Protein backbone atom coordinates (compact mmCIF):
# COMPACT_ATOMS: atom_id res chain seq x y z
CA MET A 1 -35.14 58.86 27.01
CA ASP A 2 -36.44 57.10 24.07
CA GLY A 3 -33.19 57.82 22.45
CA PHE A 4 -31.50 56.60 25.31
CA LEU A 5 -33.73 53.20 25.25
CA GLY A 6 -33.25 53.05 21.42
CA THR A 7 -29.39 53.07 21.68
CA ALA A 8 -29.18 50.71 24.56
CA ILE A 9 -31.65 47.86 22.63
CA ARG A 10 -29.54 48.81 19.36
CA ASP A 11 -26.19 47.82 21.45
CA ARG A 12 -27.53 44.64 23.05
CA VAL A 13 -28.83 43.45 19.45
CA PHE A 14 -25.38 44.08 17.73
CA ASP A 15 -23.74 42.82 20.67
CA THR A 16 -25.76 39.55 20.32
CA MET A 17 -25.38 39.22 16.83
CA GLN A 18 -21.47 39.87 17.03
CA ALA A 19 -21.48 36.78 19.60
CA ALA A 20 -23.48 34.61 17.54
CA ILE A 21 -21.36 35.43 14.59
CA ASN A 22 -18.03 34.38 16.97
CA PHE A 23 -19.54 31.63 17.81
CA ILE A 24 -20.18 30.13 14.69
CA ARG A 25 -16.88 31.38 13.52
CA ASN A 26 -15.06 29.36 16.31
CA LEU A 27 -17.30 26.31 15.91
CA PHE A 28 -16.31 26.20 12.65
CA VAL A 29 -12.69 26.65 13.23
CA GLU A 30 -12.60 23.99 15.65
CA LYS A 31 -14.32 21.41 13.18
CA VAL A 32 -11.87 22.26 10.69
CA ASN A 33 -8.97 21.80 13.16
CA ARG A 34 -10.36 18.27 14.25
CA VAL A 35 -10.54 17.18 10.54
CA GLN A 36 -6.99 18.57 10.07
CA ARG A 37 -6.01 16.80 13.00
CA LEU A 38 -7.53 13.61 12.01
CA MET A 39 -6.18 13.68 8.53
CA THR A 40 -2.70 14.66 9.74
CA LEU A 41 -3.12 11.45 12.09
CA SER A 42 -4.16 9.14 9.47
CA VAL A 43 -1.34 10.16 7.42
CA PHE A 44 1.53 9.30 9.98
CA ALA A 45 -0.33 6.27 11.46
CA GLY A 46 -0.46 5.19 7.44
CA LEU A 47 3.09 5.80 6.81
CA ALA A 48 4.00 4.02 9.78
CA LEU A 49 1.88 1.09 8.72
CA PHE A 50 3.14 0.66 5.34
CA SER A 51 6.95 1.51 6.50
CA THR A 52 6.85 -1.41 9.03
CA VAL A 53 5.28 -4.29 6.84
CA ALA A 54 7.62 -7.27 6.93
CA CYS A 55 9.82 -7.15 3.56
CA GLY A 56 13.25 -8.08 3.82
CA ALA A 57 13.38 -10.60 1.13
CA THR A 58 14.06 -10.12 -2.37
CA LEU A 59 13.59 -11.71 -5.65
CA GLN A 60 17.23 -12.77 -6.10
CA THR A 61 19.92 -15.38 -6.89
CA ASP A 62 22.26 -16.98 -4.70
CA ASP A 63 25.29 -18.18 -6.96
CA PHE A 64 28.06 -18.12 -4.90
CA GLN A 65 30.64 -16.25 -6.85
CA SER A 66 31.21 -13.92 -4.02
CA GLY A 67 33.05 -16.27 -2.62
CA THR A 68 31.07 -17.07 0.64
CA THR A 69 28.20 -19.27 1.44
CA GLU A 70 25.86 -16.24 1.30
CA GLY A 71 23.98 -17.47 4.33
CA TRP A 72 23.58 -20.73 3.95
CA THR A 73 23.96 -23.12 6.58
CA ASP A 74 22.88 -26.52 8.47
CA GLY A 75 23.81 -24.80 12.00
CA VAL A 76 26.85 -26.23 13.91
CA ILE A 77 27.49 -30.19 12.63
CA MET A 78 27.86 -30.41 8.96
CA ALA A 79 28.02 -26.99 7.42
CA PRO A 80 28.18 -26.50 3.74
CA THR A 81 31.41 -25.74 2.18
CA LEU A 82 32.26 -23.47 -0.62
CA GLN A 83 33.60 -24.99 -4.12
CA THR A 84 34.97 -22.53 -5.89
CA THR A 85 34.86 -24.39 -9.59
CA GLY A 86 32.74 -27.26 -10.99
CA GLY A 87 29.06 -25.76 -10.81
CA PRO A 88 26.55 -26.26 -13.55
CA ALA A 89 28.64 -23.65 -15.89
CA GLY A 90 31.95 -25.65 -15.35
CA LEU A 91 35.47 -23.71 -14.67
CA ASP A 92 35.25 -21.17 -12.03
CA ASP A 93 31.70 -21.62 -11.40
CA ALA A 94 31.39 -21.63 -7.54
CA PHE A 95 28.61 -23.78 -5.68
CA LEU A 96 27.99 -25.56 -2.35
CA MET A 97 28.43 -28.77 -1.37
CA LEU A 98 26.33 -30.15 1.41
CA SER A 99 27.27 -33.59 2.91
CA THR A 100 26.42 -35.57 6.28
CA SER A 101 28.49 -37.01 8.59
CA SER A 102 26.71 -39.97 9.84
CA PRO A 103 24.04 -42.39 8.26
CA THR A 104 22.08 -42.21 11.58
CA GLY A 105 21.84 -39.84 14.41
CA PRO A 106 22.91 -36.48 14.56
CA GLY A 107 24.55 -35.13 11.46
CA SER A 108 22.62 -37.49 9.43
CA ASN A 109 20.32 -34.88 7.90
CA LEU A 110 21.29 -33.63 4.53
CA SER A 111 19.88 -29.87 4.48
CA SER A 112 20.97 -26.47 4.41
CA PHE A 113 18.78 -23.37 5.33
CA ASN A 114 18.83 -19.82 4.97
CA GLY A 115 17.43 -17.19 7.44
CA SER A 116 19.15 -14.22 6.19
CA SER A 117 17.17 -10.75 5.36
CA ASP A 118 17.59 -11.99 1.25
CA TRP A 119 15.33 -14.98 2.34
CA ALA A 120 13.34 -14.01 5.27
CA GLY A 121 10.25 -11.31 5.05
CA ASP A 122 7.08 -11.17 3.18
CA TYR A 123 6.72 -13.24 0.31
CA THR A 124 3.15 -12.25 -0.53
CA SER A 125 3.99 -8.49 -1.26
CA LEU A 126 6.77 -10.21 -3.34
CA GLY A 127 4.71 -12.33 -5.47
CA ALA A 128 7.06 -14.91 -4.99
CA GLY A 129 5.80 -18.10 -6.39
CA SER A 130 8.66 -20.76 -6.39
CA VAL A 131 12.49 -21.51 -5.36
CA MET A 132 14.70 -22.61 -8.35
CA VAL A 133 17.68 -24.51 -7.57
CA ASP A 134 20.65 -26.20 -9.81
CA MET A 135 21.07 -29.52 -7.95
CA MET A 136 24.12 -32.34 -8.52
CA ASN A 137 24.12 -35.69 -6.71
CA PRO A 138 28.09 -37.08 -7.20
CA ILE A 139 28.75 -40.72 -8.22
CA GLY A 140 28.97 -42.57 -5.26
CA SER A 141 26.67 -40.99 -3.23
CA SER A 142 22.65 -41.96 -2.38
CA THR A 143 19.99 -41.23 -4.22
CA LEU A 144 18.21 -38.10 -3.02
CA GLU A 145 14.51 -37.04 -2.50
CA MET A 146 14.64 -33.31 -1.61
CA ARG A 147 12.12 -31.03 -0.70
CA LEU A 148 11.80 -27.37 0.05
CA VAL A 149 10.81 -26.33 3.95
CA LEU A 150 9.40 -22.81 4.85
CA PHE A 151 9.59 -21.86 8.52
CA GLY A 152 7.19 -19.28 9.95
CA PRO A 153 5.36 -17.23 10.93
CA LEU A 154 5.63 -16.95 14.58
CA ASN A 155 9.04 -19.04 14.72
CA VAL A 156 10.72 -22.01 13.37
CA SER A 157 8.48 -24.41 15.20
CA GLN A 158 6.04 -23.60 12.36
CA ARG A 159 6.75 -25.51 9.08
CA TRP A 160 5.67 -26.37 5.69
CA THR A 161 7.17 -28.48 3.24
CA SER A 162 7.00 -29.50 -0.55
CA THR A 163 4.31 -32.26 -1.09
CA LEU A 164 6.19 -34.00 -3.64
CA SER A 165 9.95 -34.54 -3.44
CA ALA A 166 12.67 -33.93 -6.49
CA VAL A 167 14.28 -37.10 -6.91
CA VAL A 168 18.09 -36.10 -7.70
CA PRO A 169 19.99 -39.61 -9.25
CA ASN A 170 23.64 -39.71 -8.09
CA ASP A 171 24.90 -39.44 -11.87
CA GLY A 172 26.98 -36.28 -10.95
CA LEU A 173 25.08 -34.25 -13.47
CA TRP A 174 23.69 -31.03 -12.91
CA ARG A 175 19.91 -30.38 -13.02
CA SER A 176 17.61 -27.58 -12.53
CA PHE A 177 14.63 -27.97 -10.00
CA GLU A 178 11.63 -25.80 -9.19
CA PHE A 179 9.67 -25.99 -5.67
CA SER A 180 6.48 -24.16 -5.84
CA LEU A 181 5.14 -22.10 -2.92
CA ALA A 182 1.48 -22.48 -4.00
CA GLU A 183 -0.57 -23.90 -1.07
CA GLU A 184 -1.88 -26.69 -2.94
CA ASP A 185 2.07 -27.75 -3.23
CA LEU A 186 2.95 -27.53 0.30
CA THR A 187 1.97 -29.53 3.23
CA ARG A 188 2.06 -28.03 6.67
CA VAL A 189 4.33 -30.70 8.70
CA ALA A 190 4.52 -28.69 12.27
CA GLY A 191 2.83 -26.02 14.28
CA PHE A 192 -0.54 -24.33 13.32
CA SER A 193 0.24 -21.41 10.86
CA ASN A 194 -1.89 -21.25 7.65
CA HIS A 195 -0.75 -20.55 4.21
CA VAL A 196 -1.67 -16.89 3.94
CA ASP A 197 0.55 -15.95 7.52
CA LEU A 198 3.35 -18.34 6.44
CA MET A 199 3.70 -16.39 3.33
CA GLY A 200 3.54 -13.07 4.53
CA ASN A 201 6.46 -13.58 7.11
CA VAL A 202 8.49 -16.66 5.91
CA ASN A 203 11.52 -16.76 8.64
CA ARG A 204 13.95 -19.06 7.17
CA VAL A 205 14.00 -21.50 4.08
CA MET A 206 15.57 -24.99 3.80
CA LEU A 207 16.49 -27.55 1.12
CA ARG A 208 16.24 -30.98 3.05
CA HIS A 209 16.40 -34.79 1.84
CA ASP A 210 13.02 -36.27 3.10
CA THR A 211 11.66 -39.62 1.71
CA GLY A 212 8.30 -40.70 1.37
CA ALA A 213 5.54 -38.75 3.19
CA PRO A 214 6.36 -34.92 4.11
CA SER A 215 8.01 -34.96 7.50
CA PRO A 216 8.63 -32.09 9.81
CA GLY A 217 12.31 -33.55 10.41
CA GLY A 218 13.46 -35.15 7.12
CA ALA A 219 15.27 -38.29 7.07
CA SER A 220 18.71 -40.04 7.48
CA ILE A 221 21.39 -40.51 4.87
CA SER A 222 24.44 -40.98 3.91
CA ALA A 223 25.35 -38.97 1.01
CA ARG A 224 26.46 -35.43 -0.51
CA LEU A 225 24.95 -32.82 -2.79
CA GLY A 226 25.92 -29.89 -4.86
CA ILE A 227 23.59 -26.92 -4.96
CA ASP A 228 23.71 -23.44 -6.91
CA ASN A 229 21.72 -20.68 -8.25
CA VAL A 230 19.12 -20.86 -5.67
CA SER A 231 16.59 -18.19 -6.69
CA LEU A 232 13.37 -16.62 -5.03
CA VAL A 233 11.28 -15.89 -8.16
CA ALA A 234 8.00 -14.51 -8.85
CA GLY A 235 5.09 -16.72 -9.55
CA ALA A 236 1.72 -16.43 -11.79
CA PRO A 237 -0.14 -13.53 -10.28
CA PRO A 238 -2.88 -14.94 -7.73
CA LEU A 239 -6.52 -14.05 -8.42
CA ALA A 240 -7.14 -12.96 -4.95
CA ALA A 241 -8.92 -10.04 -6.02
CA ASP A 242 -11.22 -12.11 -7.87
CA PHE A 243 -14.21 -11.23 -5.51
CA ASP A 244 -16.97 -12.34 -7.71
CA GLY A 245 -15.39 -15.65 -8.50
CA ASN A 246 -15.31 -15.14 -12.28
CA ASN A 247 -11.56 -16.19 -12.98
CA VAL A 248 -10.90 -12.41 -14.06
CA VAL A 249 -10.07 -9.57 -11.80
CA ASP A 250 -11.89 -6.64 -13.32
CA GLY A 251 -14.25 -3.80 -12.71
CA ASP A 252 -16.88 -5.92 -11.32
CA ASP A 253 -14.71 -6.71 -8.47
CA LEU A 254 -14.04 -3.15 -7.98
CA VAL A 255 -17.68 -2.54 -7.44
CA GLN A 256 -17.87 -5.36 -4.80
CA TRP A 257 -15.22 -4.21 -3.06
CA GLU A 258 -17.02 -0.82 -2.74
CA GLY A 259 -19.91 -2.59 -1.59
CA ASP A 260 -18.53 -4.68 1.10
CA PHE A 261 -15.92 -1.81 2.29
CA GLY A 262 -16.24 -1.79 5.87
CA GLN A 263 -19.17 -4.19 6.08
CA ASN A 264 -17.95 -7.58 5.76
CA ALA A 265 -15.14 -10.26 4.41
CA GLY A 266 -16.47 -10.60 0.90
CA SER A 267 -13.40 -8.67 -0.51
CA ASP A 268 -10.73 -9.84 1.88
CA THR A 269 -7.21 -10.86 0.04
CA ASP A 270 -5.11 -11.06 3.22
CA GLY A 271 -7.13 -13.09 5.84
CA ASP A 272 -7.91 -10.32 8.13
CA ALA A 273 -11.57 -10.94 8.14
CA ASP A 274 -12.32 -7.64 6.63
CA SER A 275 -12.55 -5.50 3.06
CA ASP A 276 -10.29 -2.71 3.66
CA GLY A 277 -7.93 -0.32 1.88
CA ALA A 278 -5.20 -3.19 1.72
CA ASP A 279 -7.57 -5.51 -0.04
CA PHE A 280 -8.39 -2.55 -2.76
CA LEU A 281 -4.62 -2.00 -2.85
CA VAL A 282 -4.28 -6.05 -3.91
CA TRP A 283 -7.36 -5.46 -6.58
CA GLN A 284 -5.52 -2.31 -8.14
CA ARG A 285 -2.02 -4.27 -8.37
CA GLN A 286 -3.76 -7.64 -10.08
CA PHE A 287 -6.10 -5.66 -11.93
CA ARG A 288 -2.97 -3.33 -13.26
CA GLU A 289 -1.04 -6.53 -13.75
CA GLY A 290 -3.99 -8.50 -15.80
CA ALA A 291 -4.23 -5.24 -18.19
CA GLU A 292 -0.79 -5.34 -18.79
CA ALA A 293 -0.51 -9.12 -19.81
CA SER A 294 -3.64 -8.32 -22.01
CA ALA A 295 -3.30 -7.62 -25.73
CA THR A 296 -5.84 -4.78 -25.42
CA LEU A 297 -4.63 -1.97 -23.62
CA GLN A 298 -7.43 -0.28 -21.39
CA ALA A 299 -7.22 2.61 -18.67
CA ILE A 300 -6.28 1.25 -15.70
CA PRO A 301 -8.20 2.34 -12.51
CA GLU A 302 -5.95 3.70 -9.74
CA PRO A 303 -6.57 5.56 -6.57
CA ALA A 304 -7.37 9.36 -6.85
CA SER A 305 -4.83 10.08 -4.49
CA CYS A 306 -2.46 8.80 -1.61
CA TRP A 307 -4.94 10.33 0.83
CA LEU A 308 -7.52 7.65 -0.34
CA ILE A 309 -5.44 4.91 0.35
CA VAL A 310 -4.38 6.01 3.65
CA LEU A 311 -7.99 6.95 4.83
CA ALA A 312 -9.28 3.72 3.13
CA ALA A 313 -6.66 1.78 5.02
CA PHE A 314 -7.87 3.08 8.33
CA GLY A 315 -11.67 2.50 7.83
CA LEU A 316 -12.26 6.31 6.97
CA PRO A 317 -15.22 6.41 4.68
CA VAL A 318 -13.86 7.80 1.06
CA GLY A 319 -15.52 7.94 -2.30
CA LEU A 320 -14.40 6.48 -5.49
CA PRO A 321 -14.28 8.45 -8.63
CA GLY A 322 -14.43 7.12 -11.89
CA ARG A 323 -11.03 7.99 -12.72
CA LEU A 324 -8.35 7.09 -10.13
CA ARG A 325 -4.95 8.01 -10.09
CA ASP A 326 -1.99 6.36 -8.63
CA CYS A 327 0.40 7.74 -6.35
C-alpha cells in the first residue's frame, strides 16, 4: 500500500511540474510571438510611412531644349510659346515667351505656372532653397516686377509669394534672378497655411508680374517676357535640429532630443508638435551636413540600424548606443 501511495504522489508531483513547465514555456512563446508581430507590423507601417511621403519634385532645370514647354502654362487664355532660338546662350538656345492679350481684364496678367510632378512635391525633403530663372524683357514691352508664387499645401487657394519683386527692365537683355524660398522672404497672400506645411507639399509654382505690395492675383499689364533655365536649387541647410539654440547642430542637440523624445515638442523639426523619430532623422542629416562642411572630419553618429528608425518613428522605446550606424 505504501508503495502504491508513493508512486501516486510521485506521479502527481511529476504531472504538476510538467504542467508548470509547459505553462511557462507557452507563456514565453506567446510573449516572443507578440514581440515579433509588433516588430513586423512596425516595419511594414514604417515602410508604408516612408513610401507615401510627398516627394515628386526634384532639384532640376527646365531649359526647354526638349522642344516642349515642359509643363509651363498660364491656363487657357495666353499660353506661353516656345521659341527655338535666342535664349541666354544665343543661337539654338530655346526659351519660353510669356505675353498678355489685354492691358486689363482676362488675359492681362503676365504669368506662367507649373504644377507637374517635376515641381509639385516636398521641398523640405529636397532641401530646396530657391528658384532661379533667366528672364529677358523685350524692347518695347513694359518694365516688369516679377515675383515667385507658391501654391499649397491643401489647394491652389493657399498662396505665398515673394515679398520683394525682381525688377526686369525692358531692354532686351537676359539676366539671372533668384527667388528665395525662405519664410522671411515670402508673404502669405491667400489662405491660412503655414510655411512648414507649404514647403512640405507645394502644389504649383508660378512666375508672375505683381507691382507694389504682394497680392494674391498679380497686376494687369500689357507686356511680354522671355524665361529660360528655370531651376529649383538647394539652399543652405537650415538649423531646424539646433534644439538648444546655439546656432550649431551637434551632439548636445542629440542629448536634448533623447530627453524630449516622446515627452514634449522641445525637439520638433517638422511642426507636428512632438519629438519623434522623424525629428531624429532631421538631426542626423543636418549633423552630417555640418560635419562634411567642416574642415575637421569627425565621426558621424548614425542610427544603429533601420530598426531604430522605424521603432522611433512609431513611438516605440529604443536605446541609442554611443556609436550609431546608418541604414
